[in-house]
PDB file of N, CA and C in Angstrom:
ATOM      1  N   MET A   1     -40.370  44.754  -0.271  1.00  0.00           N
ATOM      2  CA  MET A   1     -40.898  44.416  -1.754  1.00  0.00           C
ATOM      3  C   MET A   1     -39.714  45.290  -2.538  1.00  0.00           C
ATOM      4  N   SER A   2     -38.982  44.433  -3.361  1.00  0.00           N
ATOM      5  CA  SER A   2     -38.168  45.136  -4.367  1.00  0.00           C
ATOM      6  C   SER A   2     -38.890  45.986  -5.357  1.00  0.00           C
ATOM      7  N   LEU A   3     -37.989  46.814  -6.084  1.00  0.00           N
ATOM      8  CA  LEU A   3     -38.854  47.190  -7.324  1.00  0.00           C
ATOM      9  C   LEU A   3     -39.227  46.562  -8.296  1.00  0.00           C
ATOM     10  N   THR A   4     -38.552  45.495  -8.375  1.00  0.00           N
ATOM     11  CA  THR A   4     -38.802  44.430  -9.600  1.00  0.00           C
ATOM     12  C   THR A   4     -40.199  43.796  -9.109  1.00  0.00           C
ATOM     13  N   ASP A   5     -40.495  43.476  -8.042  1.00  0.00           N
ATOM     14  CA  ASP A   5     -41.509  42.840  -7.545  1.00  0.00           C
ATOM     15  C   ASP A   5     -42.928  43.940  -7.666  1.00  0.00           C
ATOM     16  N   LEU A   6     -42.515  45.069  -7.348  1.00  0.00           N
ATOM     17  CA  LEU A   6     -43.550  46.192  -7.364  1.00  0.00           C
ATOM     18  C   LEU A   6     -44.118  46.367  -8.991  1.00  0.00           C
ATOM     19  N   TYR A   7     -42.968  46.193  -9.931  1.00  0.00           N
ATOM     20  CA  TYR A   7     -43.211  46.219 -11.327  1.00  0.00           C
ATOM     21  C   TYR A   7     -43.961  45.192 -11.853  1.00  0.00           C
ATOM     22  N   TYR A   8     -43.547  43.866 -11.445  1.00  0.00           N
ATOM     23  CA  TYR A   8     -44.599  42.802 -11.785  1.00  0.00           C
ATOM     24  C   TYR A   8     -45.734  42.914 -11.159  1.00  0.00           C
ATOM     25  N   THR A   9     -45.936  43.294  -9.944  1.00  0.00           N
ATOM     26  CA  THR A   9     -47.410  43.231  -9.311  1.00  0.00           C
ATOM     27  C   THR A   9     -48.242  44.383 -10.032  1.00  0.00           C
ATOM     28  N   LEU A  10     -47.513  45.602 -10.381  1.00  0.00           N
ATOM     29  CA  LEU A  10     -48.205  46.340 -11.125  1.00  0.00           C
ATOM     30  C   LEU A  10     -48.610  45.947 -12.474  1.00  0.00           C
ATOM     31  N   LEU A  11     -47.744  45.236 -13.334  1.00  0.00           N
ATOM     32  CA  LEU A  11     -48.370  44.712 -14.500  1.00  0.00           C
ATOM     33  C   LEU A  11     -49.300  43.833 -14.550  1.00  0.00           C
ATOM     34  N   SER A  12     -49.223  42.614 -13.554  1.00  0.00           N
ATOM     35  CA  SER A  12     -50.158  41.783 -13.404  1.00  0.00           C
ATOM     36  C   SER A  12     -51.552  42.316 -12.841  1.00  0.00           C
ATOM     37  N   THR A  13     -51.476  43.354 -12.023  1.00  0.00           N
ATOM     38  CA  THR A  13     -52.746  43.992 -11.812  1.00  0.00           C
ATOM     39  C   THR A  13     -53.564  44.945 -12.556  1.00  0.00           C
ATOM     40  N   LEU A  14     -52.777  45.746 -13.407  1.00  0.00           N
ATOM     41  CA  LEU A  14     -53.376  46.534 -14.582  1.00  0.00           C
ATOM     42  C   LEU A  14     -53.510  45.909 -15.576  1.00  0.00           C
ATOM     43  N   GLY A  15     -52.575  45.101 -16.120  1.00  0.00           N
ATOM     44  CA  GLY A  15     -52.646  44.570 -17.486  1.00  0.00           C
ATOM     45  C   GLY A  15     -53.354  42.995 -17.513  1.00  0.00           C
ATOM     46  N   GLN A  16     -53.679  42.504 -16.410  1.00  0.00           N
ATOM     47  CA  GLN A  16     -54.112  41.220 -16.262  1.00  0.00           C
ATOM     48  C   GLN A  16     -53.083  40.191 -16.906  1.00  0.00           C
ATOM     49  N   VAL A  17     -51.846  40.427 -16.475  1.00  0.00           N
ATOM     50  CA  VAL A  17     -50.623  39.649 -17.216  1.00  0.00           C
ATOM     51  C   VAL A  17     -50.239  38.708 -15.985  1.00  0.00           C
ATOM     52  N   THR A  18     -50.076  37.578 -16.541  1.00  0.00           N
ATOM     53  CA  THR A  18     -49.723  36.401 -15.323  1.00  0.00           C
ATOM     54  C   THR A  18     -47.890  36.453 -15.439  1.00  0.00           C
ATOM     55  N   VAL A  19     -47.751  36.304 -14.323  1.00  0.00           N
ATOM     56  CA  VAL A  19     -46.261  36.332 -14.085  1.00  0.00           C
ATOM     57  C   VAL A  19     -45.895  35.132 -13.938  1.00  0.00           C
ATOM     58  N   PRO A  20     -44.531  34.728 -14.760  1.00  0.00           N
ATOM     59  CA  PRO A  20     -44.220  33.480 -14.802  1.00  0.00           C
ATOM     60  C   PRO A  20     -43.277  33.256 -13.494  1.00  0.00           C
ATOM     61  N   LYS A  21     -43.395  32.123 -12.974  1.00  0.00           N
ATOM     62  CA  LYS A  21     -42.531  31.734 -11.513  1.00  0.00           C
ATOM     63  C   LYS A  21     -41.416  31.057 -11.935  1.00  0.00           C
ATOM     64  N   PRO A  22     -40.037  31.317 -11.597  1.00  0.00           N
ATOM     65  CA  PRO A  22     -39.291  30.543 -12.048  1.00  0.00           C
ATOM     66  C   PRO A  22     -39.120  29.000 -11.268  1.00  0.00           C
ATOM     67  N   THR A  23     -38.964  27.934 -12.160  1.00  0.00           N
ATOM     68  CA  THR A  23     -39.019  26.659 -11.653  1.00  0.00           C
ATOM     69  C   THR A  23     -37.777  26.099 -11.115  1.00  0.00           C
ATOM     70  N   ASP A  24     -36.535  26.719 -11.643  1.00  0.00           N
ATOM     71  CA  ASP A  24     -35.286  26.053 -11.409  1.00  0.00           C
ATOM     72  C   ASP A  24     -34.595  27.144 -10.714  1.00  0.00           C
ATOM     73  N   GLY A  25     -34.911  27.811  -9.569  1.00  0.00           N
ATOM     74  CA  GLY A  25     -34.277  28.587  -8.624  1.00  0.00           C
ATOM     75  C   GLY A  25     -33.743  30.126  -9.617  1.00  0.00           C
ATOM     76  N   GLY A  26     -34.289  30.460 -10.805  1.00  0.00           N
ATOM     77  CA  GLY A  26     -34.198  31.647 -11.266  1.00  0.00           C
ATOM     78  C   GLY A  26     -32.935  31.617 -12.390  1.00  0.00           C
ATOM     79  N   SER A  27     -32.380  30.417 -12.561  1.00  0.00           N
ATOM     80  CA  SER A  27     -31.178  30.251 -13.552  1.00  0.00           C
ATOM     81  C   SER A  27     -31.688  30.665 -14.987  1.00  0.00           C
ATOM     82  N   ALA A  28     -30.689  30.809 -15.790  1.00  0.00           N
ATOM     83  CA  ALA A  28     -31.005  31.088 -17.260  1.00  0.00           C
ATOM     84  C   ALA A  28     -31.027  29.660 -17.975  1.00  0.00           C
ATOM     85  N   PRO A  29     -31.922  29.686 -19.013  1.00  0.00           N
ATOM     86  CA  PRO A  29     -31.767  28.390 -19.873  1.00  0.00           C
ATOM     87  C   PRO A  29     -30.508  27.900 -20.467  1.00  0.00           C
ATOM     88  N   GLU A  30     -30.217  26.531 -20.582  1.00  0.00           N
ATOM     89  CA  GLU A  30     -28.945  26.128 -21.064  1.00  0.00           C
ATOM     90  C   GLU A  30     -28.635  26.590 -22.467  1.00  0.00           C
ATOM     91  N   PRO A  31     -29.472  26.762 -23.184  1.00  0.00           N
ATOM     92  CA  PRO A  31     -28.972  27.347 -24.667  1.00  0.00           C
ATOM     93  C   PRO A  31     -28.642  28.869 -24.527  1.00  0.00           C
ATOM     94  N   LEU A  32     -29.018  29.546 -23.544  1.00  0.00           N
ATOM     95  CA  LEU A  32     -28.824  31.013 -23.610  1.00  0.00           C
ATOM     96  C   LEU A  32     -27.527  31.085 -22.973  1.00  0.00           C
ATOM     97  N   LYS A  33     -27.101  29.968 -21.729  1.00  0.00           N
ATOM     98  CA  LYS A  33     -25.856  30.079 -20.966  1.00  0.00           C
ATOM     99  C   LYS A  33     -24.680  29.482 -22.182  1.00  0.00           C
ATOM    100  N   ASN A  34     -25.148  28.758 -23.046  1.00  0.00           N
ATOM    101  CA  ASN A  34     -24.011  28.229 -24.036  1.00  0.00           C
ATOM    102  C   ASN A  34     -23.701  29.289 -25.070  1.00  0.00           C
ATOM    103  N   LEU A  35     -24.857  30.211 -25.161  1.00  0.00           N
ATOM    104  CA  LEU A  35     -24.563  31.221 -26.144  1.00  0.00           C
ATOM    105  C   LEU A  35     -23.673  32.468 -25.886  1.00  0.00           C
ATOM    106  N   VAL A  36     -24.106  32.862 -24.575  1.00  0.00           N
ATOM    107  CA  VAL A  36     -23.372  33.795 -23.962  1.00  0.00           C
ATOM    108  C   VAL A  36     -21.955  33.308 -23.455  1.00  0.00           C
ATOM    109  N   THR A  37     -21.732  32.232 -23.146  1.00  0.00           N
ATOM    110  CA  THR A  37     -20.484  31.827 -23.012  1.00  0.00           C
ATOM    111  C   THR A  37     -19.479  31.769 -24.253  1.00  0.00           C
ATOM    112  N   THR A  38     -20.058  31.619 -25.321  1.00  0.00           N
ATOM    113  CA  THR A  38     -19.437  31.294 -26.549  1.00  0.00           C
ATOM    114  C   THR A  38     -19.029  32.777 -26.980  1.00  0.00           C
ATOM    115  N   GLY A  39     -19.974  33.566 -26.908  1.00  0.00           N
ATOM    116  CA  GLY A  39     -19.877  35.053 -27.196  1.00  0.00           C
ATOM    117  C   GLY A  39     -18.639  35.754 -26.261  1.00  0.00           C
ATOM    118  N   LEU A  40     -18.644  35.283 -25.111  1.00  0.00           N
ATOM    119  CA  LEU A  40     -17.543  36.076 -24.015  1.00  0.00           C
ATOM    120  C   LEU A  40     -16.303  35.337 -24.391  1.00  0.00           C
ATOM    121  N   ASN A  41     -16.306  33.857 -24.746  1.00  0.00           N
ATOM    122  CA  ASN A  41     -15.083  33.285 -25.400  1.00  0.00           C
ATOM    123  C   ASN A  41     -14.550  34.014 -26.591  1.00  0.00           C
ATOM    124  N   LEU A  42     -15.427  34.423 -27.474  1.00  0.00           N
ATOM    125  CA  LEU A  42     -14.924  35.140 -28.696  1.00  0.00           C
ATOM    126  C   LEU A  42     -14.496  36.492 -28.399  1.00  0.00           C
ATOM    127  N   ILE A  43     -14.879  37.099 -27.429  1.00  0.00           N
ATOM    128  CA  ILE A  43     -14.693  38.678 -27.286  1.00  0.00           C
ATOM    129  C   ILE A  43     -13.332  38.642 -26.376  1.00  0.00           C
ATOM    130  N   ALA A  44     -13.106  37.517 -25.625  1.00  0.00           N
ATOM    131  CA  ALA A  44     -11.756  37.210 -24.766  1.00  0.00           C
ATOM    132  C   ALA A  44     -10.728  37.113 -25.902  1.00  0.00           C
ATOM    133  N   TRP A  45     -11.094  36.110 -26.931  1.00  0.00           N
ATOM    134  CA  TRP A  45      -9.903  35.652 -27.983  1.00  0.00           C
ATOM    135  C   TRP A  45      -9.710  37.121 -28.451  1.00  0.00           C
ATOM    136  N   GLY A  46     -10.496  37.775 -28.805  1.00  0.00           N
ATOM    137  CA  GLY A  46     -10.456  39.005 -29.696  1.00  0.00           C
ATOM    138  C   GLY A  46      -9.597  40.109 -28.873  1.00  0.00           C
ATOM    139  N   GLY A  47      -9.745  40.080 -27.556  1.00  0.00           N
ATOM    140  CA  GLY A  47      -8.918  40.912 -26.752  1.00  0.00           C
ATOM    141  C   GLY A  47      -7.489  40.558 -26.687  1.00  0.00           C
ATOM    142  N   THR A  48      -7.405  39.149 -26.570  1.00  0.00           N
ATOM    143  CA  THR A  48      -5.876  38.710 -26.482  1.00  0.00           C
ATOM    144  C   THR A  48      -5.386  38.933 -27.825  1.00  0.00           C
ATOM    145  N   ALA A  49      -5.999  38.752 -28.746  1.00  0.00           N
ATOM    146  CA  ALA A  49      -5.384  38.771 -30.245  1.00  0.00           C
ATOM    147  C   ALA A  49      -5.066  40.273 -30.509  1.00  0.00           C
ATOM    148  N   ALA A  50      -5.810  41.252 -30.056  1.00  0.00           N
ATOM    149  CA  ALA A  50      -5.431  42.675 -30.096  1.00  0.00           C
ATOM    150  C   ALA A  50      -4.342  42.937 -29.206  1.00  0.00           C
ATOM    151  N   GLY A  51      -4.459  42.519 -28.120  1.00  0.00           N
ATOM    152  CA  GLY A  51      -3.049  42.674 -27.064  1.00  0.00           C
ATOM    153  C   GLY A  51      -1.857  42.285 -27.808  1.00  0.00           C
ATOM    154  N   VAL A  52      -1.757  41.087 -28.468  1.00  0.00           N
ATOM    155  CA  VAL A  52      -0.675  40.629 -29.023  1.00  0.00           C
ATOM    156  C   VAL A  52      -0.248  41.360 -30.150  1.00  0.00           C
ATOM    157  N   VAL A  53      -1.158  41.732 -31.142  1.00  0.00           N
ATOM    158  CA  VAL A  53      -0.842  42.904 -32.063  1.00  0.00           C
ATOM    159  C   VAL A  53      -0.406  44.071 -31.667  1.00  0.00           C
ATOM    160  N   GLY A  54      -0.855  44.837 -30.615  1.00  0.00           N
ATOM    161  CA  GLY A  54      -0.480  45.751 -29.975  1.00  0.00           C
ATOM    162  C   GLY A  54       1.090  45.814 -29.469  1.00  0.00           C
ATOM    163  N   VAL A  55       1.494  44.550 -28.992  1.00  0.00           N
ATOM    164  CA  VAL A  55       2.620  44.381 -28.434  1.00  0.00           C
ATOM    165  C   VAL A  55       3.743  44.420 -29.863  1.00  0.00           C
ATOM    166  N   LEU A  56       3.108  43.674 -30.732  1.00  0.00           N
ATOM    167  CA  LEU A  56       4.056  43.568 -31.953  1.00  0.00           C
ATOM    168  C   LEU A  56       4.264  44.970 -32.734  1.00  0.00           C
ATOM    169  N   VAL A  57       3.194  45.685 -32.838  1.00  0.00           N
ATOM    170  CA  VAL A  57       3.302  46.844 -33.290  1.00  0.00           C
ATOM    171  C   VAL A  57       4.092  47.914 -32.672  1.00  0.00           C
ATOM    172  N   THR A  58       4.029  47.998 -31.590  1.00  0.00           N
ATOM    173  CA  THR A  58       4.821  48.729 -30.451  1.00  0.00           C
ATOM    174  C   THR A  58       6.414  48.390 -30.563  1.00  0.00           C
ATOM    175  N   GLY A  59       6.589  47.103 -30.804  1.00  0.00           N
ATOM    176  CA  GLY A  59       7.905  46.789 -30.843  1.00  0.00           C
ATOM    177  C   GLY A  59       8.672  47.071 -31.966  1.00  0.00           C
ATOM    178  N   ALA A  60       7.864  46.974 -33.212  1.00  0.00           N
ATOM    179  CA  ALA A  60       8.344  47.421 -34.495  1.00  0.00           C
ATOM    180  C   ALA A  60       8.543  48.850 -34.503  1.00  0.00           C
ATOM    181  N   MET A  61       7.615  49.882 -34.017  1.00  0.00           N
ATOM    182  CA  MET A  61       7.699  51.239 -34.039  1.00  0.00           C
ATOM    183  C   MET A  61       8.871  51.302 -33.147  1.00  0.00           C
ATOM    184  N   MET A  62       9.330  50.626 -31.954  1.00  0.00           N
ATOM    185  CA  MET A  62      10.385  50.769 -31.446  1.00  0.00           C
ATOM    186  C   MET A  62      11.789  50.629 -32.108  1.00  0.00           C
ATOM    187  N   ALA A  63      11.832  49.600 -32.921  1.00  0.00           N
ATOM    188  CA  ALA A  63      12.856  49.340 -33.605  1.00  0.00           C
ATOM    189  C   ALA A  63      13.264  50.056 -34.794  1.00  0.00           C
ATOM    190  N   MET A  64      12.044  50.720 -35.449  1.00  0.00           N
ATOM    191  CA  MET A  64      12.278  51.689 -36.193  1.00  0.00           C
ATOM    192  C   MET A  64      12.755  52.933 -36.179  1.00  0.00           C
ATOM    193  N   SER A  65      12.263  53.391 -34.879  1.00  0.00           N
ATOM    194  CA  SER A  65      12.729  54.545 -34.336  1.00  0.00           C
ATOM    195  C   SER A  65      14.022  54.676 -33.726  1.00  0.00           C
ATOM    196  N   HIS A  66      14.603  53.453 -33.280  1.00  0.00           N
ATOM    197  CA  HIS A  66      15.792  53.142 -32.914  1.00  0.00           C
ATOM    198  C   HIS A  66      16.968  53.071 -34.153  1.00  0.00           C
ATOM    199  N   LYS A  67      16.439  52.468 -35.267  1.00  0.00           N
ATOM    200  CA  LYS A  67      17.125  52.602 -36.421  1.00  0.00           C
ATOM    201  C   LYS A  67      17.413  54.182 -36.997  1.00  0.00           C
ATOM    202  N   ARG A  68      16.463  54.860 -36.854  1.00  0.00           N
ATOM    203  CA  ARG A  68      16.734  55.982 -37.450  1.00  0.00           C
ATOM    204  C   ARG A  68      17.266  57.212 -36.282  1.00  0.00           C
ATOM    205  N   GLY A  69      17.308  56.783 -35.072  1.00  0.00           N
ATOM    206  CA  GLY A  69      18.073  57.752 -34.257  1.00  0.00           C
ATOM    207  C   GLY A  69      17.031  58.410 -33.423  1.00  0.00           C
ATOM    208  N   GLU A  70      15.786  58.233 -33.452  1.00  0.00           N
ATOM    209  CA  GLU A  70      14.988  58.934 -32.825  1.00  0.00           C
ATOM    210  C   GLU A  70      14.585  58.628 -31.647  1.00  0.00           C
ATOM    211  N   SER A  71      14.225  59.371 -30.594  1.00  0.00           N
ATOM    212  CA  SER A  71      13.673  59.066 -29.406  1.00  0.00           C
ATOM    213  C   SER A  71      12.192  59.361 -29.406  1.00  0.00           C
ATOM    214  N   SER A  72      11.567  58.320 -28.540  1.00  0.00           N
ATOM    215  CA  SER A  72      10.076  58.564 -28.525  1.00  0.00           C
ATOM    216  C   SER A  72       9.427  58.015 -27.217  1.00  0.00           C
ATOM    217  N   GLU A  73       8.346  58.051 -27.089  1.00  0.00           N
ATOM    218  CA  GLU A  73       7.696  57.734 -25.929  1.00  0.00           C
ATOM    219  C   GLU A  73       7.093  56.257 -26.211  1.00  0.00           C
ATOM    220  N   HIS A  74       7.931  55.458 -26.694  1.00  0.00           N
ATOM    221  CA  HIS A  74       7.425  54.063 -26.784  1.00  0.00           C
ATOM    222  C   HIS A  74       7.326  53.123 -25.371  1.00  0.00           C
ATOM    223  N   MET A  75       8.061  53.429 -24.511  1.00  0.00           N
ATOM    224  CA  MET A  75       7.993  52.656 -23.147  1.00  0.00           C
ATOM    225  C   MET A  75       6.663  52.848 -22.558  1.00  0.00           C
ATOM    226  N   GLY A  76       6.017  54.126 -22.719  1.00  0.00           N
ATOM    227  CA  GLY A  76       4.826  54.662 -22.300  1.00  0.00           C
ATOM    228  C   GLY A  76       3.767  53.726 -22.940  1.00  0.00           C
ATOM    229  N   ARG A  77       3.872  53.791 -24.191  1.00  0.00           N
ATOM    230  CA  ARG A  77       2.854  53.047 -25.121  1.00  0.00           C
ATOM    231  C   ARG A  77       2.909  51.573 -24.791  1.00  0.00           C
ATOM    232  N   LEU A  78       3.985  50.970 -24.655  1.00  0.00           N
ATOM    233  CA  LEU A  78       4.214  49.601 -24.182  1.00  0.00           C
ATOM    234  C   LEU A  78       3.357  49.387 -22.969  1.00  0.00           C
ATOM    235  N   GLY A  79       3.769  50.191 -22.011  1.00  0.00           N
ATOM    236  CA  GLY A  79       2.974  50.196 -20.742  1.00  0.00           C
ATOM    237  C   GLY A  79       1.670  50.110 -20.694  1.00  0.00           C
ATOM    238  N   ILE A  80       0.985  51.079 -21.706  1.00  0.00           N
ATOM    239  CA  ILE A  80      -0.699  50.814 -21.831  1.00  0.00           C
ATOM    240  C   ILE A  80      -1.099  49.749 -22.419  1.00  0.00           C
ATOM    241  N   VAL A  81      -0.259  49.002 -23.544  1.00  0.00           N
ATOM    242  CA  VAL A  81      -0.651  47.917 -24.267  1.00  0.00           C
ATOM    243  C   VAL A  81      -0.489  46.773 -23.169  1.00  0.00           C
ATOM    244  N   LEU A  82       0.604  46.724 -22.356  1.00  0.00           N
ATOM    245  CA  LEU A  82       0.720  45.750 -21.241  1.00  0.00           C
ATOM    246  C   LEU A  82      -0.302  45.733 -20.108  1.00  0.00           C
ATOM    247  N   GLY A  83      -0.586  46.982 -19.877  1.00  0.00           N
ATOM    248  CA  GLY A  83      -1.725  47.109 -18.884  1.00  0.00           C
ATOM    249  C   GLY A  83      -3.005  46.747 -19.352  1.00  0.00           C
ATOM    250  N   GLY A  84      -3.350  47.069 -20.602  1.00  0.00           N
ATOM    251  CA  GLY A  84      -4.671  46.637 -21.301  1.00  0.00           C
ATOM    252  C   GLY A  84      -4.694  44.882 -21.170  1.00  0.00           C
ATOM    253  N   CYS A  85      -3.464  44.273 -21.735  1.00  0.00           N
ATOM    254  CA  CYS A  85      -3.350  42.916 -21.601  1.00  0.00           C
ATOM    255  C   CYS A  85      -3.611  42.267 -20.107  1.00  0.00           C
ATOM    256  N   VAL A  86      -3.017  43.029 -19.276  1.00  0.00           N
ATOM    257  CA  VAL A  86      -3.439  42.505 -17.776  1.00  0.00           C
ATOM    258  C   VAL A  86      -4.730  42.647 -17.460  1.00  0.00           C
ATOM    259  N   LEU A  87      -5.538  43.709 -17.981  1.00  0.00           N
ATOM    260  CA  LEU A  87      -6.908  43.956 -17.618  1.00  0.00           C
ATOM    261  C   LEU A  87      -7.679  42.812 -18.395  1.00  0.00           C
ATOM    262  N   ILE A  88      -7.263  42.699 -19.509  1.00  0.00           N
ATOM    263  CA  ILE A  88      -8.114  41.400 -20.318  1.00  0.00           C
ATOM    264  C   ILE A  88      -8.091  40.163 -19.733  1.00  0.00           C
ATOM    265  N   ALA A  89      -6.872  39.703 -19.284  1.00  0.00           N
ATOM    266  CA  ALA A  89      -6.577  38.494 -18.590  1.00  0.00           C
ATOM    267  C   ALA A  89      -7.159  38.456 -17.304  1.00  0.00           C
ATOM    268  N   THR A  90      -7.292  39.591 -16.571  1.00  0.00           N
ATOM    269  CA  THR A  90      -7.902  39.523 -15.362  1.00  0.00           C
ATOM    270  C   THR A  90      -9.471  39.885 -15.220  1.00  0.00           C
ATOM    271  N   ALA A  91     -10.101  40.146 -16.335  1.00  0.00           N
ATOM    272  CA  ALA A  91     -11.404  40.546 -16.359  1.00  0.00           C
ATOM    273  C   ALA A  91     -12.451  39.418 -15.704  1.00  0.00           C
ATOM    274  N   GLY A  92     -12.144  38.307 -16.149  1.00  0.00           N
ATOM    275  CA  GLY A  92     -13.117  37.114 -15.493  1.00  0.00           C
ATOM    276  C   GLY A  92     -12.934  37.124 -14.045  1.00  0.00           C
ATOM    277  N   PRO A  93     -11.936  36.801 -13.497  1.00  0.00           N
ATOM    278  CA  PRO A  93     -11.765  36.721 -12.042  1.00  0.00           C
ATOM    279  C   PRO A  93     -11.840  37.934 -11.251  1.00  0.00           C
ATOM    280  N   ILE A  94     -11.861  39.224 -11.812  1.00  0.00           N
ATOM    281  CA  ILE A  94     -12.338  40.189 -11.005  1.00  0.00           C
ATOM    282  C   ILE A  94     -13.846  40.291 -11.081  1.00  0.00           C
ATOM    283  N   VAL A  95     -14.683  40.095 -12.164  1.00  0.00           N
ATOM    284  CA  VAL A  95     -16.158  40.120 -12.060  1.00  0.00           C
ATOM    285  C   VAL A  95     -16.529  38.829 -11.246  1.00  0.00           C
ATOM    286  N   GLU A  96     -15.895  37.682 -11.004  1.00  0.00           N
ATOM    287  CA  GLU A  96     -16.149  36.691 -10.585  1.00  0.00           C
ATOM    288  C   GLU A  96     -15.857  36.892  -9.108  1.00  0.00           C
ATOM    289  N   PHE A  97     -15.034  37.613  -8.435  1.00  0.00           N
ATOM    290  CA  PHE A  97     -14.735  37.838  -7.381  1.00  0.00           C
ATOM    291  C   PHE A  97     -15.970  39.008  -6.802  1.00  0.00           C
ATOM    292  N   VAL A  98     -16.237  39.758  -7.523  1.00  0.00           N
ATOM    293  CA  VAL A  98     -17.359  40.927  -7.160  1.00  0.00           C
ATOM    294  C   VAL A  98     -18.596  40.343  -6.923  1.00  0.00           C
ATOM    295  N   PHE A  99     -18.977  39.516  -7.972  1.00  0.00           N
ATOM    296  CA  PHE A  99     -20.456  39.084  -7.943  1.00  0.00           C
ATOM    297  C   PHE A  99     -20.413  37.852  -6.998  1.00  0.00           C
ATOM    298  N   ASN A 100     -19.449  37.064  -6.705  1.00  0.00           N
ATOM    299  CA  ASN A 100     -19.515  35.903  -5.654  1.00  0.00           C
ATOM    300  C   ASN A 100     -19.214  36.668  -4.311  1.00  0.00           C
ATOM    301  N   ASN A 101     -19.363  37.968  -4.030  1.00  0.00           N
ATOM    302  CA  ASN A 101     -19.159  38.379  -2.755  1.00  0.00           C
ATOM    303  C   ASN A 101     -17.948  38.029  -2.239  1.00  0.00           C
ATOM    304  N   GLY A 102     -16.650  38.002  -3.138  1.00  0.00           N
ATOM    305  CA  GLY A 102     -15.536  37.752  -2.623  1.00  0.00           C
ATOM    306  C   GLY A 102     -15.124  36.091  -2.271  1.00  0.00           C
ATOM    307  N   ALA A 103     -16.138  35.257  -2.538  1.00  0.00           N
ATOM    308  CA  ALA A 103     -15.750  33.810  -2.188  1.00  0.00           C
ATOM    309  C   ALA A 103     -15.476  33.175  -3.610  1.00  0.00           C
ATOM    310  N   ALA A 104     -14.312  33.289  -3.903  1.00  0.00           N
ATOM    311  CA  ALA A 104     -13.928  32.601  -5.243  1.00  0.00           C
ATOM    312  C   ALA A 104     -14.223  31.128  -5.326  1.00  0.00           C
ATOM    313  N   GLY A 105     -14.742  30.547  -6.197  1.00  0.00           N
ATOM    314  CA  GLY A 105     -15.099  29.058  -6.449  1.00  0.00           C
ATOM    315  C   GLY A 105     -16.359  28.560  -5.791  1.00  0.00           C
ATOM    316  N   GLU A 106     -16.965  29.578  -4.737  1.00  0.00           N
ATOM    317  CA  GLU A 106     -18.276  29.309  -4.161  1.00  0.00           C
ATOM    318  C   GLU A 106     -19.391  29.600  -4.866  1.00  0.00           C
ATOM    319  N   THR A 107     -20.558  28.959  -4.864  1.00  0.00           N
ATOM    320  CA  THR A 107     -21.876  29.522  -5.568  1.00  0.00           C
ATOM    321  C   THR A 107     -22.542  30.250  -4.600  1.00  0.00           C
ATOM    322  N   PRO A 108     -23.195  31.244  -4.965  1.00  0.00           N
ATOM    323  CA  PRO A 108     -24.033  31.919  -3.735  1.00  0.00           C
ATOM    324  C   PRO A 108     -25.230  30.981  -3.361  1.00  0.00           C
ATOM    325  N   GLN A 109     -25.484  31.611  -1.973  1.00  0.00           N
ATOM    326  CA  GLN A 109     -26.648  30.797  -1.349  1.00  0.00           C
ATOM    327  C   GLN A 109     -27.959  31.252  -2.064  1.00  0.00           C
ATOM    328  N   GLN A 110     -28.802  30.481  -2.133  1.00  0.00           N
ATOM    329  CA  GLN A 110     -30.091  31.022  -2.601  1.00  0.00           C
ATOM    330  C   GLN A 110     -31.077  31.199  -1.586  1.00  0.00           C
ATOM    331  N   GLN A 111     -31.764  32.153  -1.732  1.00  0.00           N
ATOM    332  CA  GLN A 111     -32.611  32.663  -0.421  1.00  0.00           C
ATOM    333  C   GLN A 111     -34.023  31.767  -0.727  1.00  0.00           C
ATOM    334  N   PRO A 112     -34.508  31.624   0.555  1.00  0.00           N
ATOM    335  CA  PRO A 112     -35.757  30.759   0.645  1.00  0.00           C
ATOM    336  C   PRO A 112     -36.997  31.418   0.093  1.00  0.00           C
TER     337      PRO A 112
END
């Protein structure tokens, strides 16, 4: 018995609360899936836009420092910005790999 089952058993016993049983294998309702997908798409778009702005700002700072004859640590800053861009671009595939037990593109098997 998992901790969640114990929790629901305790609630239904002590509080006389009926525990709803999932009818569709425990998946989320469609409207909620659509809202989560929309939210994640907006966050991904914002992260991509922030990455582009970061590269542009770093390039502008490099150009101004070069014109003034100053040397700076702009390559390190550019590396951090590009590393963030790579992390943003690979966030979805990394999470999918971890939660699908390494089987990309396959849906997890449901327990009977």
